[in-house]
Amino acid sequence: KGKGKGKGRKDEESEWVPVTKLGRLVKEKKIHSIEQIYLFSLPIKEFQVVDYFLPTLKDEVMKIMPVQKQTRAGQRTRFKAFVAVGDHDGHVGLGLKCSKEVATAIRGAIILAKLSLIPVRRGYWGSRLGQPHTVPTKVTGKCGSVRIRFVPAPRGTGIVAANGSKKLLQMAGIEDCYTSSRGSTSTLGNFIKATFFCLQNTYAFLTPDLWKETRFAPGPYQEHTDHLQKSLK
């Protein structure tokens, strides 16, 4: 039995069988970029969708901490893993998972980080020369008692931040940035979560260059509805 199970799992990993409508459209090449998914705010339920569009995604374990629950027989210890993923080019995700074993926690956190992947908006500090290198405006993120603020910085400044937030900013592809934080920043879990929410807010702020009238196109589900019906049959 044991041998059979192992073999089956390897086959599953090699061949992805999508179970959601979005997964089917991605595998059949009806959706051409992950930005198309973000444009229509479609929830990503399968991590293979992210792997398909961003094969260069790098992951990094931010922290592993033991958490305990008191039971009648003593304590039950589990491990909580915080994992960040990013392509160093405008996409970053953060996942946390609790499990009895460290390896299982890390594996689960990587999958959750891919599912929570967000686009990060980048901008300029002064003149609009070359590629965007910093955050577009001053942005704030919060989690628990931690408040963190990103301030645009001139080219060549580098990332002026603590280790945890620095890694996330690098993974998002931001080259120059000033940061200021307050609250219990030694609680690394809340600190990196606040950093993640701050990066999420870069697209939440509507700057004047985004004031153009939007022309609404039909969403992928609506556009390919006949195709989805056929593949169901």
C-alpha atoms as a PDB file:
ATOM      1  CA  LYS A   1       0.000   0.000   0.000  1.00  0.00           C
ATOM      2  CA  GLY A   2       2.713   2.465   1.010  1.00  0.00           C
ATOM      3  CA  LYS A   3       4.575   2.082  -2.289  1.00  0.00           C
ATOM      4  CA  GLY A   4       1.413   2.594  -4.310  1.00  0.00           C
ATOM      5  CA  LYS A   5       0.529   5.817  -2.506  1.00  0.00           C
ATOM      6  CA  GLY A   6       3.966   7.316  -3.133  1.00  0.00           C
ATOM      7  CA  LYS A   7       3.803   6.553  -6.853  1.00  0.00           C
ATOM      8  CA  GLY A   8       0.353   8.076  -7.181  1.00  0.00           C
ATOM      9  CA  ARG A   9       1.418  11.336  -5.581  1.00  0.00           C
ATOM     10  CA  LYS A  10       4.333  11.804  -7.998  1.00  0.00           C
ATOM     11  CA  ASP A  11       1.990  11.373 -10.966  1.00  0.00           C
ATOM     12  CA  GLU A  12      -0.384  13.956  -9.501  1.00  0.00           C
ATOM     13  CA  GLU A  13       2.437  16.471  -9.150  1.00  0.00           C
ATOM     14  CA  SER A  14       3.558  16.014 -12.752  1.00  0.00           C
ATOM     15  CA  GLU A  15       0.076  16.360 -14.291  1.00  0.00           C
ATOM     16  CA  TRP A  16      -2.175  19.187 -13.105  1.00  0.00           C
ATOM     17  CA  VAL A  17      -5.891  18.515 -13.432  1.00  0.00           C
ATOM     18  CA  PRO A  18      -7.685  21.827 -12.787  1.00  0.00           C
ATOM     19  CA  VAL A  19     -10.862  21.715 -10.698  1.00  0.00           C
ATOM     20  CA  THR A  20     -11.981  25.365 -10.897  1.00  0.00           C
ATOM     21  CA  LYS A  21     -13.280  27.350 -13.874  1.00  0.00           C
ATOM     22  CA  LEU A  22     -10.281  29.678 -13.641  1.00  0.00           C
ATOM     23  CA  GLY A  23      -7.889  26.696 -13.615  1.00  0.00           C
ATOM     24  CA  ARG A  24      -9.515  25.243 -16.740  1.00  0.00           C
ATOM     25  CA  LEU A  25      -9.291  28.553 -18.618  1.00  0.00           C
ATOM     26  CA  VAL A  26      -5.621  28.962 -17.638  1.00  0.00           C
ATOM     27  CA  LYS A  27      -4.675  25.443 -18.699  1.00  0.00           C
ATOM     28  CA  GLU A  28      -6.484  25.846 -22.035  1.00  0.00           C
ATOM     29  CA  LYS A  29      -4.546  29.133 -22.617  1.00  0.00           C
ATOM     30  CA  LYS A  30      -7.675  31.312 -22.645  1.00  0.00           C
ATOM     31  CA  ILE A  31      -6.153  33.643 -20.019  1.00  0.00           C
ATOM     32  CA  HIS A  32      -2.792  35.042 -21.067  1.00  0.00           C
ATOM     33  CA  SER A  33      -1.447  36.785 -17.944  1.00  0.00           C
ATOM     34  CA  ILE A  34      -1.999  36.936 -14.206  1.00  0.00           C
ATOM     35  CA  GLU A  35      -2.845  40.668 -14.587  1.00  0.00           C
ATOM     36  CA  GLN A  36      -6.018  39.614 -16.418  1.00  0.00           C
ATOM     37  CA  ILE A  37      -7.049  37.691 -13.277  1.00  0.00           C
ATOM     38  CA  TYR A  38      -6.314  40.716 -11.038  1.00  0.00           C
ATOM     39  CA  LEU A  39      -8.243  43.050 -13.365  1.00  0.00           C
ATOM     40  CA  PHE A  40     -11.471  41.133 -12.777  1.00  0.00           C
ATOM     41  CA  SER A  41     -10.656  40.328  -9.094  1.00  0.00           C
ATOM     42  CA  LEU A  42     -11.050  36.591  -9.654  1.00  0.00           C
ATOM     43  CA  PRO A  43     -10.181  34.517  -6.576  1.00  0.00           C
ATOM     44  CA  ILE A  44      -7.310  32.083  -7.195  1.00  0.00           C
ATOM     45  CA  LYS A  45      -8.086  28.743  -5.519  1.00  0.00           C
ATOM     46  CA  GLU A  46      -5.333  26.632  -7.124  1.00  0.00           C
ATOM     47  CA  PHE A  47      -1.652  27.429  -6.598  1.00  0.00           C
ATOM     48  CA  GLN A  48      -0.808  25.832  -9.973  1.00  0.00           C
ATOM     49  CA  VAL A  49      -2.367  28.897 -11.672  1.00  0.00           C
ATOM     50  CA  VAL A  50       0.350  31.076 -10.080  1.00  0.00           C
ATOM     51  CA  ASP A  51       3.080  28.531 -10.982  1.00  0.00           C
ATOM     52  CA  TYR A  52       1.849  28.573 -14.599  1.00  0.00           C
ATOM     53  CA  PHE A  53       2.165  32.368 -14.987  1.00  0.00           C
ATOM     54  CA  LEU A  54       5.162  32.976 -12.696  1.00  0.00           C
ATOM     55  CA  PRO A  55       7.586  30.042 -12.937  1.00  0.00           C
ATOM     56  CA  THR A  56      10.430  32.214 -11.563  1.00  0.00           C
ATOM     57  CA  LEU A  57       8.734  32.694  -8.173  1.00  0.00           C
ATOM     58  CA  LYS A  58      11.193  32.476  -5.252  1.00  0.00           C
ATOM     59  CA  ASP A  59      10.140  31.545  -1.722  1.00  0.00           C
ATOM     60  CA  GLU A  60      11.779  32.347   1.588  1.00  0.00           C
ATOM     61  CA  VAL A  61      10.953  31.161   5.102  1.00  0.00           C
ATOM     62  CA  MET A  62      10.582  34.280   7.264  1.00  0.00           C
ATOM     63  CA  LYS A  63      10.075  32.586  10.620  1.00  0.00           C
ATOM     64  CA  ILE A  64       9.269  29.243  12.251  1.00  0.00           C
ATOM     65  CA  MET A  65       7.864  29.435  15.761  1.00  0.00           C
ATOM     66  CA  PRO A  66       6.515  26.784  18.118  1.00  0.00           C
ATOM     67  CA  VAL A  67       2.984  27.369  19.422  1.00  0.00           C
ATOM     68  CA  GLN A  68       1.490  25.383  22.309  1.00  0.00           C
ATOM     69  CA  LYS A  69      -1.955  24.332  23.404  1.00  0.00           C
ATOM     70  CA  GLN A  70      -2.586  23.154  26.952  1.00  0.00           C
ATOM     71  CA  THR A  71      -4.364  19.799  27.129  1.00  0.00           C
ATOM     72  CA  ARG A  72      -5.176  17.386  29.980  1.00  0.00           C
ATOM     73  CA  ALA A  73      -2.103  15.319  29.111  1.00  0.00           C
ATOM     74  CA  GLY A  74       0.237  18.342  29.049  1.00  0.00           C
ATOM     75  CA  GLN A  75       1.104  20.637  26.151  1.00  0.00           C
ATOM     76  CA  ARG A  76       0.638  19.960  22.481  1.00  0.00           C
ATOM     77  CA  THR A  77       3.314  21.700  20.451  1.00  0.00           C
ATOM     78  CA  ARG A  78       2.834  22.632  16.812  1.00  0.00           C
ATOM     79  CA  PHE A  79       4.986  24.697  14.459  1.00  0.00           C
ATOM     80  CA  LYS A  80       3.875  27.885  12.749  1.00  0.00           C
ATOM     81  CA  ALA A  81       5.694  28.849   9.553  1.00  0.00           C
ATOM     82  CA  PHE A  82       5.683  32.254   7.836  1.00  0.00           C
ATOM     83  CA  VAL A  83       6.720  32.083   4.170  1.00  0.00           C
ATOM     84  CA  ALA A  84       7.032  34.917   1.625  1.00  0.00           C
ATOM     85  CA  VAL A  85       7.058  34.376  -2.144  1.00  0.00           C
ATOM     86  CA  GLY A  86       7.926  36.907  -4.851  1.00  0.00           C
ATOM     87  CA  ASP A  87       9.323  37.273  -8.357  1.00  0.00           C
ATOM     88  CA  HIS A  88      11.320  40.506  -7.643  1.00  0.00           C
ATOM     89  CA  ASP A  89       9.153  42.155 -10.313  1.00  0.00           C
ATOM     90  CA  GLY A  90       5.903  43.453  -8.846  1.00  0.00           C
ATOM     91  CA  HIS A  91       4.356  40.315  -7.315  1.00  0.00           C
ATOM     92  CA  VAL A  92       4.552  39.204  -3.690  1.00  0.00           C
ATOM     93  CA  GLY A  93       2.633  36.798  -1.429  1.00  0.00           C
ATOM     94  CA  LEU A  94       2.639  35.868   2.249  1.00  0.00           C
ATOM     95  CA  GLY A  95       1.441  32.602   3.779  1.00  0.00           C
ATOM     96  CA  LEU A  96       1.344  31.179   7.277  1.00  0.00           C
ATOM     97  CA  LYS A  97       0.558  27.610   8.260  1.00  0.00           C
ATOM     98  CA  CYS A  98       0.505  25.681  11.523  1.00  0.00           C
ATOM     99  CA  SER A  99       1.333  21.974  11.581  1.00  0.00           C
ATOM    100  CA  LYS A 100       2.765  19.201  13.771  1.00  0.00           C
ATOM    101  CA  GLU A 101       5.884  18.975  11.590  1.00  0.00           C
ATOM    102  CA  VAL A 102       8.089  21.809  10.363  1.00  0.00           C
ATOM    103  CA  ALA A 103       8.334  20.483   6.779  1.00  0.00           C
ATOM    104  CA  THR A 104       4.534  20.177   6.452  1.00  0.00           C
ATOM    105  CA  ALA A 105       4.044  23.683   7.860  1.00  0.00           C
ATOM    106  CA  ILE A 106       6.528  25.163   5.358  1.00  0.00           C
ATOM    107  CA  ARG A 107       4.944  23.292   2.437  1.00  0.00           C
ATOM    108  CA  GLY A 108       1.461  24.477   3.389  1.00  0.00           C
ATOM    109  CA  ALA A 109       2.664  28.058   3.926  1.00  0.00           C
ATOM    110  CA  ILE A 110       4.272  28.144   0.440  1.00  0.00           C
ATOM    111  CA  ILE A 111       0.953  27.093  -1.141  1.00  0.00           C
ATOM    112  CA  LEU A 112      -1.005  29.691   0.886  1.00  0.00           C
ATOM    113  CA  ALA A 113       1.562  32.377  -0.020  1.00  0.00           C
ATOM    114  CA  LYS A 114       1.060  31.622  -3.726  1.00  0.00           C
ATOM    115  CA  LEU A 115      -2.722  31.823  -3.334  1.00  0.00           C
ATOM    116  CA  SER A 116      -2.430  35.210  -1.591  1.00  0.00           C
ATOM    117  CA  LEU A 117      -0.156  36.666  -4.308  1.00  0.00           C
ATOM    118  CA  ILE A 118      -0.803  40.381  -4.939  1.00  0.00           C
ATOM    119  CA  PRO A 119       0.394  42.895  -7.546  1.00  0.00           C
ATOM    120  CA  VAL A 120       2.575  45.707  -6.163  1.00  0.00           C
ATOM    121  CA  ARG A 121       2.442  49.133  -7.743  1.00  0.00           C
ATOM    122  CA  ARG A 122       5.766  50.900  -8.188  1.00  0.00           C
ATOM    123  CA  GLY A 123       6.479  54.514  -9.027  1.00  0.00           C
ATOM    124  CA  TYR A 124       9.075  57.304  -9.102  1.00  0.00           C
ATOM    125  CA  TRP A 125      10.502  59.687  -6.532  1.00  0.00           C
ATOM    126  CA  GLY A 126      11.196  62.600  -8.879  1.00  0.00           C
ATOM    127  CA  SER A 127      11.584  62.615 -12.661  1.00  0.00           C
ATOM    128  CA  ARG A 128      10.032  59.721 -14.538  1.00  0.00           C
ATOM    129  CA  LEU A 129      13.250  58.397 -16.091  1.00  0.00           C
ATOM    130  CA  GLY A 130      13.923  54.676 -16.508  1.00  0.00           C
ATOM    131  CA  GLN A 131      11.980  51.923 -14.779  1.00  0.00           C
ATOM    132  CA  PRO A 132       9.815  52.574 -11.676  1.00  0.00           C
ATOM    133  CA  HIS A 133      11.979  51.979  -8.596  1.00  0.00           C
ATOM    134  CA  THR A 134      10.094  53.003  -5.438  1.00  0.00           C
ATOM    135  CA  VAL A 135       6.557  53.114  -3.979  1.00  0.00           C
ATOM    136  CA  PRO A 136       4.219  55.488  -5.887  1.00  0.00           C
ATOM    137  CA  THR A 137       2.992  57.394  -2.789  1.00  0.00           C
ATOM    138  CA  LYS A 138       3.313  57.273   0.993  1.00  0.00           C
ATOM    139  CA  VAL A 139       1.426  54.152   2.090  1.00  0.00           C
ATOM    140  CA  THR A 140       0.533  52.680   5.470  1.00  0.00           C
ATOM    141  CA  GLY A 141      -0.224  49.142   6.615  1.00  0.00           C
ATOM    142  CA  LYS A 142      -1.282  47.825   9.993  1.00  0.00           C
ATOM    143  CA  CYS A 143      -1.675  44.531  11.805  1.00  0.00           C
ATOM    144  CA  GLY A 144      -2.217  44.165  15.549  1.00  0.00           C
ATOM    145  CA  SER A 145      -0.337  47.009  17.251  1.00  0.00           C
ATOM    146  CA  VAL A 146       2.167  47.336  14.380  1.00  0.00           C
ATOM    147  CA  ARG A 147       1.906  50.308  12.018  1.00  0.00           C
ATOM    148  CA  ILE A 148       4.339  50.607   9.109  1.00  0.00           C
ATOM    149  CA  ARG A 149       4.706  53.418   6.593  1.00  0.00           C
ATOM    150  CA  PHE A 150       6.556  53.430   3.275  1.00  0.00           C
ATOM    151  CA  VAL A 151       7.874  56.711   1.905  1.00  0.00           C
ATOM    152  CA  PRO A 152       9.208  57.093  -1.673  1.00  0.00           C
ATOM    153  CA  ALA A 153      12.997  57.489  -1.842  1.00  0.00           C
ATOM    154  CA  PRO A 154      15.360  58.827  -4.540  1.00  0.00           C
ATOM    155  CA  ARG A 155      17.115  56.375  -6.826  1.00  0.00           C
ATOM    156  CA  GLY A 156      20.192  54.795  -5.259  1.00  0.00           C
ATOM    157  CA  THR A 157      18.953  55.078  -1.656  1.00  0.00           C
ATOM    158  CA  GLY A 158      18.307  51.342  -1.279  1.00  0.00           C
ATOM    159  CA  ILE A 159      15.737  49.936   1.141  1.00  0.00           C
ATOM    160  CA  VAL A 160      15.952  51.604   4.555  1.00  0.00           C
ATOM    161  CA  ALA A 161      14.065  49.010   6.598  1.00  0.00           C
ATOM    162  CA  ALA A 162      14.307  46.234   9.174  1.00  0.00           C
ATOM    163  CA  ASN A 163      15.283  42.734   7.988  1.00  0.00           C
ATOM    164  CA  GLY A 164      11.751  41.303   7.822  1.00  0.00           C
ATOM    165  CA  SER A 165      10.193  44.121   5.806  1.00  0.00           C
ATOM    166  CA  LYS A 166      13.345  44.510   3.694  1.00  0.00           C
ATOM    167  CA  LYS A 167      13.032  40.941   2.385  1.00  0.00           C
ATOM    168  CA  LEU A 168       9.387  41.477   1.427  1.00  0.00           C
ATOM    169  CA  LEU A 169      10.170  44.765  -0.338  1.00  0.00           C
ATOM    170  CA  GLN A 170      13.020  43.142  -2.287  1.00  0.00           C
ATOM    171  CA  MET A 171      10.736  40.277  -3.325  1.00  0.00           C
ATOM    172  CA  ALA A 172       8.173  42.822  -4.531  1.00  0.00           C
ATOM    173  CA  GLY A 173      10.815  44.424  -6.772  1.00  0.00           C
ATOM    174  CA  ILE A 174      11.076  47.751  -4.922  1.00  0.00           C
ATOM    175  CA  GLU A 175      14.645  49.079  -5.033  1.00  0.00           C
ATOM    176  CA  ASP A 176      14.475  52.313  -2.994  1.00  0.00           C
ATOM    177  CA  CYS A 177      12.233  53.051  -0.033  1.00  0.00           C
ATOM    178  CA  TYR A 178      12.226  54.739   3.380  1.00  0.00           C
ATOM    179  CA  THR A 179      10.189  53.053   6.118  1.00  0.00           C
ATOM    180  CA  SER A 180       8.993  54.044   9.567  1.00  0.00           C
ATOM    181  CA  SER A 181       7.223  51.755  11.991  1.00  0.00           C
ATOM    182  CA  ARG A 182       5.695  51.862  15.443  1.00  0.00           C
ATOM    183  CA  GLY A 183       4.108  49.401  17.850  1.00  0.00           C
ATOM    184  CA  SER A 184       5.375  45.975  18.846  1.00  0.00           C
ATOM    185  CA  THR A 185       7.591  45.390  15.792  1.00  0.00           C
ATOM    186  CA  SER A 186       9.462  42.595  17.585  1.00  0.00           C
ATOM    187  CA  THR A 187       6.345  40.441  16.985  1.00  0.00           C
ATOM    188  CA  LEU A 188       7.641  39.324  13.588  1.00  0.00           C
ATOM    189  CA  GLY A 189       4.343  37.737  12.492  1.00  0.00           C
ATOM    190  CA  ASN A 190       2.387  40.988  12.786  1.00  0.00           C
ATOM    191  CA  PHE A 191       5.313  43.033  11.471  1.00  0.00           C
ATOM    192  CA  ILE A 192       5.567  41.168   8.152  1.00  0.00           C
ATOM    193  CA  LYS A 193       1.773  41.036   7.863  1.00  0.00           C
ATOM    194  CA  ALA A 194       1.631  44.844   8.254  1.00  0.00           C
ATOM    195  CA  THR A 195       4.351  45.135   5.563  1.00  0.00           C
ATOM    196  CA  PHE A 196       2.299  42.879   3.261  1.00  0.00           C
ATOM    197  CA  PHE A 197      -0.888  44.927   3.808  1.00  0.00           C
ATOM    198  CA  CYS A 198       1.115  48.082   3.136  1.00  0.00           C
ATOM    199  CA  LEU A 199       2.286  46.701  -0.226  1.00  0.00           C
ATOM    200  CA  GLN A 200      -1.330  45.713  -0.956  1.00  0.00           C
ATOM    201  CA  ASN A 201      -2.393  49.339  -0.408  1.00  0.00           C
ATOM    202  CA  THR A 202      -0.124  50.607  -3.223  1.00  0.00           C
ATOM    203  CA  TYR A 203      -2.877  49.733  -5.730  1.00  0.00           C
ATOM    204  CA  ALA A 204      -5.701  50.744  -3.347  1.00  0.00           C
ATOM    205  CA  PHE A 205      -4.815  54.451  -3.633  1.00  0.00           C
ATOM    206  CA  LEU A 206      -6.189  56.148  -6.742  1.00  0.00           C
ATOM    207  CA  THR A 207      -3.670  58.676  -8.089  1.00  0.00           C
ATOM    208  CA  PRO A 208      -4.673  61.259 -10.761  1.00  0.00           C
ATOM    209  CA  ASP A 209      -2.979  59.267 -13.566  1.00  0.00           C
ATOM    210  CA  LEU A 210      -5.551  56.506 -12.931  1.00  0.00           C
ATOM    211  CA  TRP A 211      -8.562  58.828 -13.257  1.00  0.00           C
ATOM    212  CA  LYS A 212      -9.217  57.897 -16.878  1.00  0.00           C
ATOM    213  CA  GLU A 213     -12.660  56.481 -17.545  1.00  0.00           C
ATOM    214  CA  THR A 214     -12.590  52.689 -17.490  1.00  0.00           C
ATOM    215  CA  ARG A 215     -14.124  50.770 -20.351  1.00  0.00           C
ATOM    216  CA  PHE A 216     -15.598  47.625 -18.890  1.00  0.00           C
ATOM    217  CA  ALA A 217     -14.952  44.466 -20.905  1.00  0.00           C
ATOM    218  CA  PRO A 218     -16.703  41.155 -20.223  1.00  0.00           C
ATOM    219  CA  GLY A 219     -14.901  38.990 -17.638  1.00  0.00           C
ATOM    220  CA  PRO A 220     -13.137  35.754 -18.625  1.00  0.00           C
ATOM    221  CA  TYR A 221     -16.006  33.586 -17.310  1.00  0.00           C
ATOM    222  CA  GLN A 222     -18.517  35.540 -19.374  1.00  0.00           C
ATOM    223  CA  GLU A 223     -16.299  35.681 -22.454  1.00  0.00           C
ATOM    224  CA  HIS A 224     -15.538  31.954 -22.511  1.00  0.00           C
ATOM    225  CA  THR A 225     -18.858  30.710 -21.143  1.00  0.00           C
ATOM    226  CA  ASP A 226     -19.535  28.462 -24.186  1.00  0.00           C
ATOM    227  CA  HIS A 227     -16.062  26.933 -23.897  1.00  0.00           C
ATOM    228  CA  LEU A 228     -16.595  26.177 -20.207  1.00  0.00           C
ATOM    229  CA  GLN A 229     -19.944  24.536 -20.991  1.00  0.00           C
ATOM    230  CA  LYS A 230     -18.311  22.307 -23.644  1.00  0.00           C
ATOM    231  CA  SER A 231     -15.486  21.219 -21.370  1.00  0.00           C
ATOM    232  CA  LEU A 232     -18.033  20.322 -18.667  1.00  0.00           C
ATOM    233  CA  LYS A 233     -19.798  17.929 -21.045  1.00  0.00           C
END
